[in-house]
Amino acid sequence: MDDLDRTIHEPARLRILTLLSGVDEADFSFLLNTVGLTKGNLSSHMDKLEKAGYVTIVKTFNGRIPHTDFRLTPEGRSALEKYWEELDAIRAMHDARE
């Protein structure tokens, strides 16, 4: 069994990726309200996820108002799936001991 992906294992990033796995895309306001982070904290986590190749960030403007959308990449979806499989393997080892 490989070590758990530390980028995903951080609780806020796990919540973000899990949420993004259920939608085509989510905007900054939606994520901010759903995951309950500050703007700066959310931005920091999204930057780490983008650098890992797990999300894409699309910045546009609605008139003069900035708008940011986030999408889970195929690599991010695969990494999240692998993460859940590794957690299942850990749980199975625990269950086997009982």
PDB file of N, CA and C in Angstrom:
ATOM      1  N   MET A   1       0.852  -1.177   0.000  1.00  0.00           N
ATOM      2  CA  MET A   1       0.000   0.000   0.000  1.00  0.00           C
ATOM      3  C   MET A   1       0.895   1.236   0.000  1.00  0.00           C
ATOM      4  N   ASP A   2       0.587   2.184  -0.850  1.00  0.00           N
ATOM      5  CA  ASP A   2       1.330   3.439  -0.907  1.00  0.00           C
ATOM      6  C   ASP A   2       0.909   4.336   0.245  1.00  0.00           C
ATOM      7  N   ASP A   3       1.735   5.332   0.517  1.00  0.00           N
ATOM      8  CA  ASP A   3       1.347   6.334   1.502  1.00  0.00           C
ATOM      9  C   ASP A   3       0.187   7.144   0.938  1.00  0.00           C
ATOM     10  N   LEU A   4      -0.670   7.622   1.844  1.00  0.00           N
ATOM     11  CA  LEU A   4      -1.773   8.467   1.411  1.00  0.00           C
ATOM     12  C   LEU A   4      -1.227   9.758   0.803  1.00  0.00           C
ATOM     13  N   ASP A   5      -1.890  10.247  -0.215  1.00  0.00           N
ATOM     14  CA  ASP A   5      -1.518  11.498  -0.882  1.00  0.00           C
ATOM     15  C   ASP A   5      -1.698  12.639   0.112  1.00  0.00           C
ATOM     16  N   ARG A   6      -0.606  13.232   0.565  1.00  0.00           N
ATOM     17  CA  ARG A   6      -0.661  14.287   1.583  1.00  0.00           C
ATOM     18  C   ARG A   6      -1.365  15.537   1.066  1.00  0.00           C
ATOM     19  N   THR A   7      -1.317  15.766  -0.237  1.00  0.00           N
ATOM     20  CA  THR A   7      -2.032  16.919  -0.785  1.00  0.00           C
ATOM     21  C   THR A   7      -3.528  16.746  -0.587  1.00  0.00           C
ATOM     22  N   ILE A   8      -4.035  15.557  -0.805  1.00  0.00           N
ATOM     23  CA  ILE A   8      -5.468  15.289  -0.655  1.00  0.00           C
ATOM     24  C   ILE A   8      -5.835  15.078   0.802  1.00  0.00           C
ATOM     25  N   HIS A   9      -4.947  14.492   1.586  1.00  0.00           N
ATOM     26  CA  HIS A   9      -5.267  14.085   2.958  1.00  0.00           C
ATOM     27  C   HIS A   9      -5.586  15.266   3.873  1.00  0.00           C
ATOM     28  N   GLU A  10      -5.124  16.459   3.539  1.00  0.00           N
ATOM     29  CA  GLU A  10      -5.437  17.637   4.349  1.00  0.00           C
ATOM     30  C   GLU A  10      -6.950  17.836   4.316  1.00  0.00           C
ATOM     31  N   PRO A  11      -7.607  17.945   5.483  1.00  0.00           N
ATOM     32  CA  PRO A  11      -9.078  17.941   5.535  1.00  0.00           C
ATOM     33  C   PRO A  11      -9.783  18.953   4.633  1.00  0.00           C
ATOM     34  N   ALA A  12      -9.304  20.180   4.567  1.00  0.00           N
ATOM     35  CA  ALA A  12      -9.977  21.180   3.723  1.00  0.00           C
ATOM     36  C   ALA A  12      -9.863  20.805   2.252  1.00  0.00           C
ATOM     37  N   ARG A  13      -8.687  20.328   1.836  1.00  0.00           N
ATOM     38  CA  ARG A  13      -8.523  19.950   0.427  1.00  0.00           C
ATOM     39  C   ARG A  13      -9.325  18.701   0.095  1.00  0.00           C
ATOM     40  N   LEU A  14      -9.442  17.796   1.034  1.00  0.00           N
ATOM     41  CA  LEU A  14     -10.284  16.613   0.816  1.00  0.00           C
ATOM     42  C   LEU A  14     -11.740  17.032   0.623  1.00  0.00           C
ATOM     43  N   ARG A  15     -12.226  17.967   1.433  1.00  0.00           N
ATOM     44  CA  ARG A  15     -13.605  18.464   1.271  1.00  0.00           C
ATOM     45  C   ARG A  15     -13.781  19.117  -0.089  1.00  0.00           C
ATOM     46  N   ILE A  16     -12.810  19.941  -0.485  1.00  0.00           N
ATOM     47  CA  ILE A  16     -12.896  20.634  -1.775  1.00  0.00           C
ATOM     48  C   ILE A  16     -12.939  19.635  -2.922  1.00  0.00           C
ATOM     49  N   LEU A  17     -12.020  18.679  -2.930  1.00  0.00           N
ATOM     50  CA  LEU A  17     -11.969  17.698  -4.023  1.00  0.00           C
ATOM     51  C   LEU A  17     -13.213  16.822  -4.056  1.00  0.00           C
ATOM     52  N   THR A  18     -13.689  16.426  -2.883  1.00  0.00           N
ATOM     53  CA  THR A  18     -14.904  15.611  -2.829  1.00  0.00           C
ATOM     54  C   THR A  18     -16.086  16.390  -3.394  1.00  0.00           C
ATOM     55  N   LEU A  19     -16.182  17.657  -3.044  1.00  0.00           N
ATOM     56  CA  LEU A  19     -17.262  18.497  -3.568  1.00  0.00           C
ATOM     57  C   LEU A  19     -17.132  18.656  -5.081  1.00  0.00           C
ATOM     58  N   LEU A  20     -15.916  18.942  -5.563  1.00  0.00           N
ATOM     59  CA  LEU A  20     -15.717  19.117  -7.005  1.00  0.00           C
ATOM     60  C   LEU A  20     -15.962  17.834  -7.784  1.00  0.00           C
ATOM     61  N   SER A  21     -15.789  16.689  -7.141  1.00  0.00           N
ATOM     62  CA  SER A  21     -16.005  15.418  -7.843  1.00  0.00           C
ATOM     63  C   SER A  21     -17.482  15.196  -8.167  1.00  0.00           C
ATOM     64  N   GLY A  22     -18.359  15.927  -7.524  1.00  0.00           N
ATOM     65  CA  GLY A  22     -19.792  15.762  -7.757  1.00  0.00           C
ATOM     66  C   GLY A  22     -20.417  16.791  -8.669  1.00  0.00           C
ATOM     67  N   VAL A  23     -19.614  17.729  -9.180  1.00  0.00           N
ATOM     68  CA  VAL A  23     -20.145  18.787 -10.049  1.00  0.00           C
ATOM     69  C   VAL A  23     -19.213  18.963 -11.249  1.00  0.00           C
ATOM     70  N   ASP A  24     -19.727  19.593 -12.300  1.00  0.00           N
ATOM     71  CA  ASP A  24     -18.875  19.892 -13.457  1.00  0.00           C
ATOM     72  C   ASP A  24     -17.873  20.987 -13.124  1.00  0.00           C
ATOM     73  N   GLU A  25     -18.346  22.009 -12.407  1.00  0.00           N
ATOM     74  CA  GLU A  25     -17.488  23.095 -11.961  1.00  0.00           C
ATOM     75  C   GLU A  25     -18.167  23.817 -10.807  1.00  0.00           C
ATOM     76  N   ALA A  26     -17.375  24.549 -10.055  1.00  0.00           N
ATOM     77  CA  ALA A  26     -17.911  25.326  -8.943  1.00  0.00           C
ATOM     78  C   ALA A  26     -17.192  26.663  -8.915  1.00  0.00           C
ATOM     79  N   ASP A  27     -17.927  27.716  -8.591  1.00  0.00           N
ATOM     80  CA  ASP A  27     -17.272  29.017  -8.530  1.00  0.00           C
ATOM     81  C   ASP A  27     -16.775  29.295  -7.108  1.00  0.00           C
ATOM     82  N   PHE A  28     -15.964  30.336  -7.006  1.00  0.00           N
ATOM     83  CA  PHE A  28     -15.310  30.674  -5.751  1.00  0.00           C
ATOM     84  C   PHE A  28     -16.318  30.889  -4.631  1.00  0.00           C
ATOM     85  N   SER A  29     -17.377  31.636  -4.904  1.00  0.00           N
ATOM     86  CA  SER A  29     -18.384  31.925  -3.867  1.00  0.00           C
ATOM     87  C   SER A  29     -19.054  30.653  -3.364  1.00  0.00           C
ATOM     88  N   PHE A  30     -19.383  29.753  -4.268  1.00  0.00           N
ATOM     89  CA  PHE A  30     -20.013  28.495  -3.883  1.00  0.00           C
ATOM     90  C   PHE A  30     -19.092  27.696  -2.964  1.00  0.00           C
ATOM     91  N   LEU A  31     -17.828  27.548  -3.363  1.00  0.00           N
ATOM     92  CA  LEU A  31     -16.883  26.802  -2.524  1.00  0.00           C
ATOM     93  C   LEU A  31     -16.671  27.499  -1.188  1.00  0.00           C
ATOM     94  N   LEU A  32     -16.546  28.809  -1.219  1.00  0.00           N
ATOM     95  CA  LEU A  32     -16.335  29.571   0.004  1.00  0.00           C
ATOM     96  C   LEU A  32     -17.466  29.319   0.999  1.00  0.00           C
ATOM     97  N   ASN A  33     -18.681  29.368   0.536  1.00  0.00           N
ATOM     98  CA  ASN A  33     -19.842  29.162   1.407  1.00  0.00           C
ATOM     99  C   ASN A  33     -20.024  27.703   1.808  1.00  0.00           C
ATOM    100  N   THR A  34     -19.634  26.782   0.952  1.00  0.00           N
ATOM    101  CA  THR A  34     -19.856  25.360   1.207  1.00  0.00           C
ATOM    102  C   THR A  34     -18.806  24.763   2.140  1.00  0.00           C
ATOM    103  N   VAL A  35     -17.551  25.096   1.934  1.00  0.00           N
ATOM    104  CA  VAL A  35     -16.498  24.477   2.747  1.00  0.00           C
ATOM    105  C   VAL A  35     -16.168  25.281   4.000  1.00  0.00           C
ATOM    106  N   GLY A  36     -16.652  26.514   4.098  1.00  0.00           N
ATOM    107  CA  GLY A  36     -16.504  27.289   5.318  1.00  0.00           C
ATOM    108  C   GLY A  36     -15.094  27.775   5.614  1.00  0.00           C
ATOM    109  N   LEU A  37     -14.340  28.113   4.583  1.00  0.00           N
ATOM    110  CA  LEU A  37     -12.997  28.653   4.768  1.00  0.00           C
ATOM    111  C   LEU A  37     -13.015  30.158   4.544  1.00  0.00           C
ATOM    112  N   THR A  38     -11.947  30.826   4.958  1.00  0.00           N
ATOM    113  CA  THR A  38     -11.800  32.237   4.621  1.00  0.00           C
ATOM    114  C   THR A  38     -11.375  32.343   3.159  1.00  0.00           C
ATOM    115  N   LYS A  39     -11.509  33.517   2.578  1.00  0.00           N
ATOM    116  CA  LYS A  39     -11.103  33.713   1.182  1.00  0.00           C
ATOM    117  C   LYS A  39      -9.630  33.372   0.980  1.00  0.00           C
ATOM    118  N   GLY A  40      -8.786  33.859   1.874  1.00  0.00           N
ATOM    119  CA  GLY A  40      -7.357  33.605   1.743  1.00  0.00           C
ATOM    120  C   GLY A  40      -7.009  32.138   1.895  1.00  0.00           C
ATOM    121  N   ASN A  41      -7.679  31.470   2.847  1.00  0.00           N
ATOM    122  CA  ASN A  41      -7.420  30.055   3.075  1.00  0.00           C
ATOM    123  C   ASN A  41      -7.869  29.227   1.866  1.00  0.00           C
ATOM    124  N   LEU A  42      -9.052  29.528   1.341  1.00  0.00           N
ATOM    125  CA  LEU A  42      -9.536  28.818   0.162  1.00  0.00           C
ATOM    126  C   LEU A  42      -8.590  29.039  -1.017  1.00  0.00           C
ATOM    127  N   SER A  43      -8.157  30.272  -1.215  1.00  0.00           N
ATOM    128  CA  SER A  43      -7.237  30.569  -2.315  1.00  0.00           C
ATOM    129  C   SER A  43      -5.935  29.787  -2.180  1.00  0.00           C
ATOM    130  N   SER A  44      -5.420  29.707  -0.968  1.00  0.00           N
ATOM    131  CA  SER A  44      -4.184  28.975  -0.723  1.00  0.00           C
ATOM    132  C   SER A  44      -4.341  27.487  -1.036  1.00  0.00           C
ATOM    133  N   HIS A  45      -5.442  26.895  -0.597  1.00  0.00           N
ATOM    134  CA  HIS A  45      -5.683  25.479  -0.874  1.00  0.00           C
ATOM    135  C   HIS A  45      -5.874  25.238  -2.370  1.00  0.00           C
ATOM    136  N   MET A  46      -6.592  26.135  -3.039  1.00  0.00           N
ATOM    137  CA  MET A  46      -6.816  25.958  -4.474  1.00  0.00           C
ATOM    138  C   MET A  46      -5.500  26.087  -5.244  1.00  0.00           C
ATOM    139  N   ASP A  47      -4.620  26.965  -4.791  1.00  0.00           N
ATOM    140  CA  ASP A  47      -3.313  27.107  -5.428  1.00  0.00           C
ATOM    141  C   ASP A  47      -2.526  25.801  -5.317  1.00  0.00           C
ATOM    142  N   LYS A  48      -2.543  25.170  -4.145  1.00  0.00           N
ATOM    143  CA  LYS A  48      -1.841  23.899  -3.948  1.00  0.00           C
ATOM    144  C   LYS A  48      -2.440  22.801  -4.817  1.00  0.00           C
ATOM    145  N   LEU A  49      -3.764  22.780  -4.909  1.00  0.00           N
ATOM    146  CA  LEU A  49      -4.424  21.763  -5.733  1.00  0.00           C
ATOM    147  C   LEU A  49      -4.137  21.986  -7.216  1.00  0.00           C
ATOM    148  N   GLU A  50      -4.070  23.236  -7.633  1.00  0.00           N
ATOM    149  CA  GLU A  50      -3.743  23.532  -9.033  1.00  0.00           C
ATOM    150  C   GLU A  50      -2.297  23.123  -9.329  1.00  0.00           C
ATOM    151  N   LYS A  51      -1.377  23.438  -8.436  1.00  0.00           N
ATOM    152  CA  LYS A  51       0.031  23.078  -8.642  1.00  0.00           C
ATOM    153  C   LYS A  51       0.215  21.564  -8.698  1.00  0.00           C
ATOM    154  N   ALA A  52      -0.629  20.824  -7.971  1.00  0.00           N
ATOM    155  CA  ALA A  52      -0.566  19.357  -8.006  1.00  0.00           C
ATOM    156  C   ALA A  52      -1.202  18.799  -9.280  1.00  0.00           C
ATOM    157  N   GLY A  53      -1.892  19.655 -10.034  1.00  0.00           N
ATOM    158  CA  GLY A  53      -2.557  19.213 -11.264  1.00  0.00           C
ATOM    159  C   GLY A  53      -3.931  18.623 -11.019  1.00  0.00           C
ATOM    160  N   TYR A  54      -4.479  18.844  -9.827  1.00  0.00           N
ATOM    161  CA  TYR A  54      -5.762  18.242  -9.462  1.00  0.00           C
ATOM    162  C   TYR A  54      -6.968  19.103  -9.836  1.00  0.00           C
ATOM    163  N   VAL A  55      -6.776  20.396  -9.986  1.00  0.00           N
ATOM    164  CA  VAL A  55      -7.878  21.281 -10.385  1.00  0.00           C
ATOM    165  C   VAL A  55      -7.377  22.261 -11.438  1.00  0.00           C
ATOM    166  N   THR A  56      -8.316  22.739 -12.238  1.00  0.00           N
ATOM    167  CA  THR A  56      -8.034  23.861 -13.127  1.00  0.00           C
ATOM    168  C   THR A  56      -8.781  25.058 -12.589  1.00  0.00           C
ATOM    169  N   ILE A  57      -8.165  26.206 -12.752  1.00  0.00           N
ATOM    170  CA  ILE A  57      -8.760  27.458 -12.298  1.00  0.00           C
ATOM    171  C   ILE A  57      -8.973  28.328 -13.523  1.00  0.00           C
ATOM    172  N   VAL A  58     -10.217  28.770 -13.715  1.00  0.00           N
ATOM    173  CA  VAL A  58     -10.557  29.606 -14.860  1.00  0.00           C
ATOM    174  C   VAL A  58     -11.042  30.952 -14.326  1.00  0.00           C
ATOM    175  N   LYS A  59     -10.274  32.002 -14.630  1.00  0.00           N
ATOM    176  CA  LYS A  59     -10.615  33.345 -14.169  1.00  0.00           C
ATOM    177  C   LYS A  59     -11.141  34.155 -15.345  1.00  0.00           C
ATOM    178  N   THR A  60     -12.309  34.747 -15.142  1.00  0.00           N
ATOM    179  CA  THR A  60     -12.935  35.592 -16.155  1.00  0.00           C
ATOM    180  C   THR A  60     -13.477  36.844 -15.461  1.00  0.00           C
ATOM    181  N   PHE A  61     -14.089  37.699 -16.251  1.00  0.00           N
ATOM    182  CA  PHE A  61     -14.750  38.883 -15.712  1.00  0.00           C
ATOM    183  C   PHE A  61     -16.178  38.930 -16.208  1.00  0.00           C
ATOM    184  N   ASN A  62     -17.093  39.276 -15.331  1.00  0.00           N
ATOM    185  CA  ASN A  62     -18.474  39.603 -15.694  1.00  0.00           C
ATOM    186  C   ASN A  62     -18.549  41.122 -15.617  1.00  0.00           C
ATOM    187  N   GLY A  63     -18.319  41.775 -16.766  1.00  0.00           N
ATOM    188  CA  GLY A  63     -18.150  43.223 -16.740  1.00  0.00           C
ATOM    189  C   GLY A  63     -16.827  43.517 -16.057  1.00  0.00           C
ATOM    190  N   ARG A  64     -16.886  44.221 -14.943  1.00  0.00           N
ATOM    191  CA  ARG A  64     -15.668  44.519 -14.178  1.00  0.00           C
ATOM    192  C   ARG A  64     -15.504  43.627 -12.961  1.00  0.00           C
ATOM    193  N   ILE A  65     -16.416  42.713 -12.781  1.00  0.00           N
ATOM    194  CA  ILE A  65     -16.396  41.857 -11.596  1.00  0.00           C
ATOM    195  C   ILE A  65     -15.673  40.556 -11.917  1.00  0.00           C
ATOM    196  N   PRO A  66     -14.601  40.253 -11.161  1.00  0.00           N
ATOM    197  CA  PRO A  66     -13.888  38.996 -11.409  1.00  0.00           C
ATOM    198  C   PRO A  66     -14.735  37.789 -11.025  1.00  0.00           C
ATOM    199  N   HIS A  67     -14.574  36.718 -11.782  1.00  0.00           N
ATOM    200  CA  HIS A  67     -15.299  35.475 -11.536  1.00  0.00           C
ATOM    201  C   HIS A  67     -14.321  34.314 -11.708  1.00  0.00           C
ATOM    202  N   THR A  68     -14.283  33.427 -10.720  1.00  0.00           N
ATOM    203  CA  THR A  68     -13.350  32.299 -10.754  1.00  0.00           C
ATOM    204  C   THR A  68     -14.106  30.989 -10.646  1.00  0.00           C
ATOM    205  N   ASP A  69     -13.848  30.094 -11.588  1.00  0.00           N
ATOM    206  CA  ASP A  69     -14.437  28.754 -11.576  1.00  0.00           C
ATOM    207  C   ASP A  69     -13.331  27.729 -11.370  1.00  0.00           C
ATOM    208  N   PHE A  70     -13.701  26.619 -10.734  1.00  0.00           N
ATOM    209  CA  PHE A  70     -12.773  25.528 -10.470  1.00  0.00           C
ATOM    210  C   PHE A  70     -13.352  24.242 -11.033  1.00  0.00           C
ATOM    211  N   ARG A  71     -12.480  23.440 -11.616  1.00  0.00           N
ATOM    212  CA  ARG A  71     -12.880  22.131 -12.151  1.00  0.00           C
ATOM    213  C   ARG A  71     -11.874  21.086 -11.710  1.00  0.00           C
ATOM    214  N   LEU A  72     -12.382  19.910 -11.404  1.00  0.00           N
ATOM    215  CA  LEU A  72     -11.520  18.779 -11.099  1.00  0.00           C
ATOM    216  C   LEU A  72     -10.942  18.263 -12.411  1.00  0.00           C
ATOM    217  N   THR A  73      -9.645  18.075 -12.471  1.00  0.00           N
ATOM    218  CA  THR A  73      -9.005  17.542 -13.677  1.00  0.00           C
ATOM    219  C   THR A  73      -9.131  16.020 -13.689  1.00  0.00           C
ATOM    220  N   PRO A  74      -8.912  15.394 -14.845  1.00  0.00           N
ATOM    221  CA  PRO A  74      -8.886  13.928 -14.866  1.00  0.00           C
ATOM    222  C   PRO A  74      -7.836  13.366 -13.894  1.00  0.00           C
ATOM    223  N   GLU A  75      -6.698  14.050 -13.778  1.00  0.00           N
ATOM    224  CA  GLU A  75      -5.663  13.611 -12.836  1.00  0.00           C
ATOM    225  C   GLU A  75      -6.158  13.731 -11.399  1.00  0.00           C
ATOM    226  N   GLY A  76      -6.887  14.812 -11.118  1.00  0.00           N
ATOM    227  CA  GLY A  76      -7.441  15.002  -9.783  1.00  0.00           C
ATOM    228  C   GLY A  76      -8.481  13.949  -9.448  1.00  0.00           C
ATOM    229  N   ARG A  77      -9.318  13.630 -10.419  1.00  0.00           N
ATOM    230  CA  ARG A  77     -10.341  12.602 -10.211  1.00  0.00           C
ATOM    231  C   ARG A  77      -9.681  11.246  -9.942  1.00  0.00           C
ATOM    232  N   SER A  78      -8.647  10.938 -10.705  1.00  0.00           N
ATOM    233  CA  SER A  78      -7.922   9.688 -10.531  1.00  0.00           C
ATOM    234  C   SER A  78      -7.222   9.644  -9.166  1.00  0.00           C
ATOM    235  N   ALA A  79      -6.583  10.745  -8.778  1.00  0.00           N
ATOM    236  CA  ALA A  79      -5.884  10.804  -7.492  1.00  0.00           C
ATOM    237  C   ALA A  79      -6.871  10.662  -6.334  1.00  0.00           C
ATOM    238  N   LEU A  80      -8.041  11.270  -6.449  1.00  0.00           N
ATOM    239  CA  LEU A  80      -9.055  11.159  -5.400  1.00  0.00           C
ATOM    240  C   LEU A  80      -9.576   9.727  -5.309  1.00  0.00           C
ATOM    241  N   GLU A  81      -9.791   9.102  -6.445  1.00  0.00           N
ATOM    242  CA  GLU A  81     -10.237   7.704  -6.460  1.00  0.00           C
ATOM    243  C   GLU A  81      -9.193   6.795  -5.805  1.00  0.00           C
ATOM    244  N   LYS A  82      -7.920   7.020  -6.153  1.00  0.00           N
ATOM    245  CA  LYS A  82      -6.840   6.235  -5.550  1.00  0.00           C
ATOM    246  C   LYS A  82      -6.782   6.470  -4.042  1.00  0.00           C
ATOM    247  N   TYR A  83      -6.987   7.695  -3.607  1.00  0.00           N
ATOM    248  CA  TYR A  83      -6.996   8.034  -2.188  1.00  0.00           C
ATOM    249  C   TYR A  83      -8.073   7.227  -1.455  1.00  0.00           C
ATOM    250  N   TRP A  84      -9.297   7.217  -2.013  1.00  0.00           N
ATOM    251  CA  TRP A  84     -10.392   6.461  -1.379  1.00  0.00           C
ATOM    252  C   TRP A  84     -10.079   4.970  -1.349  1.00  0.00           C
ATOM    253  N   GLU A  85      -9.472   4.451  -2.421  1.00  0.00           N
ATOM    254  CA  GLU A  85      -9.101   3.026  -2.450  1.00  0.00           C
ATOM    255  C   GLU A  85      -8.077   2.706  -1.361  1.00  0.00           C
ATOM    256  N   GLU A  86      -7.127   3.606  -1.157  1.00  0.00           N
ATOM    257  CA  GLU A  86      -6.128   3.389  -0.110  1.00  0.00           C
ATOM    258  C   GLU A  86      -6.758   3.434   1.280  1.00  0.00           C
ATOM    259  N   LEU A  87      -7.709   4.337   1.482  1.00  0.00           N
ATOM    260  CA  LEU A  87      -8.424   4.366   2.768  1.00  0.00           C
ATOM    261  C   LEU A  87      -9.229   3.077   2.972  1.00  0.00           C
ATOM    262  N   ASP A  88      -9.852   2.599   1.897  1.00  0.00           N
ATOM    263  CA  ASP A  88     -10.593   1.335   1.991  1.00  0.00           C
ATOM    264  C   ASP A  88      -9.659   0.184   2.364  1.00  0.00           C
ATOM    265  N   ALA A  89      -8.446   0.174   1.821  1.00  0.00           N
ATOM    266  CA  ALA A  89      -7.477  -0.874   2.132  1.00  0.00           C
ATOM    267  C   ALA A  89      -7.070  -0.804   3.610  1.00  0.00           C
ATOM    268  N   ILE A  90      -6.903   0.403   4.114  1.00  0.00           N
ATOM    269  CA  ILE A  90      -6.572   0.564   5.536  1.00  0.00           C
ATOM    270  C   ILE A  90      -7.715   0.046   6.402  1.00  0.00           C
ATOM    271  N   ARG A  91      -8.927   0.390   6.030  1.00  0.00           N
ATOM    272  CA  ARG A  91     -10.100  -0.069   6.786  1.00  0.00           C
ATOM    273  C   ARG A  91     -10.218  -1.589   6.712  1.00  0.00           C
ATOM    274  N   ALA A  92      -9.937  -2.173   5.559  1.00  0.00           N
ATOM    275  CA  ALA A  92     -10.017  -3.626   5.404  1.00  0.00           C
ATOM    276  C   ALA A  92      -8.986  -4.323   6.289  1.00  0.00           C
ATOM    277  N   MET A  93      -7.785  -3.754   6.404  1.00  0.00           N
ATOM    278  CA  MET A  93      -6.775  -4.331   7.291  1.00  0.00           C
ATOM    279  C   MET A  93      -7.257  -4.299   8.739  1.00  0.00           C
ATOM    280  N   HIS A  94      -7.892  -3.219   9.105  1.00  0.00           N
ATOM    281  CA  HIS A  94      -8.420  -3.103  10.466  1.00  0.00           C
ATOM    282  C   HIS A  94      -9.524  -4.135  10.700  1.00  0.00           C
ATOM    283  N   ASP A  95     -10.437  -4.244   9.746  1.00  0.00           N
ATOM    284  CA  ASP A  95     -11.553  -5.191   9.872  1.00  0.00           C
ATOM    285  C   ASP A  95     -11.061  -6.624   9.922  1.00  0.00           C
ATOM    286  N   ALA A  96      -9.981  -6.928   9.227  1.00  0.00           N
ATOM    287  CA  ALA A  96      -9.438  -8.293   9.198  1.00  0.00           C
ATOM    288  C   ALA A  96      -8.869  -8.697  10.545  1.00  0.00           C
ATOM    289  N   ARG A  97      -8.458  -7.731  11.327  1.00  0.00           N
ATOM    290  CA  ARG A  97      -7.903  -8.036  12.654  1.00  0.00           C
ATOM    291  C   ARG A  97      -8.959  -8.359  13.683  1.00  0.00           C
ATOM    292  N   GLU A  98     -10.175  -7.985  13.421  1.00  0.00           N
ATOM    293  CA  GLU A  98     -11.252  -8.211  14.399  1.00  0.00           C
ATOM    294  C   GLU A  98     -11.830  -9.601  14.305  1.00  0.00           C
TER     295      GLU A  98
END
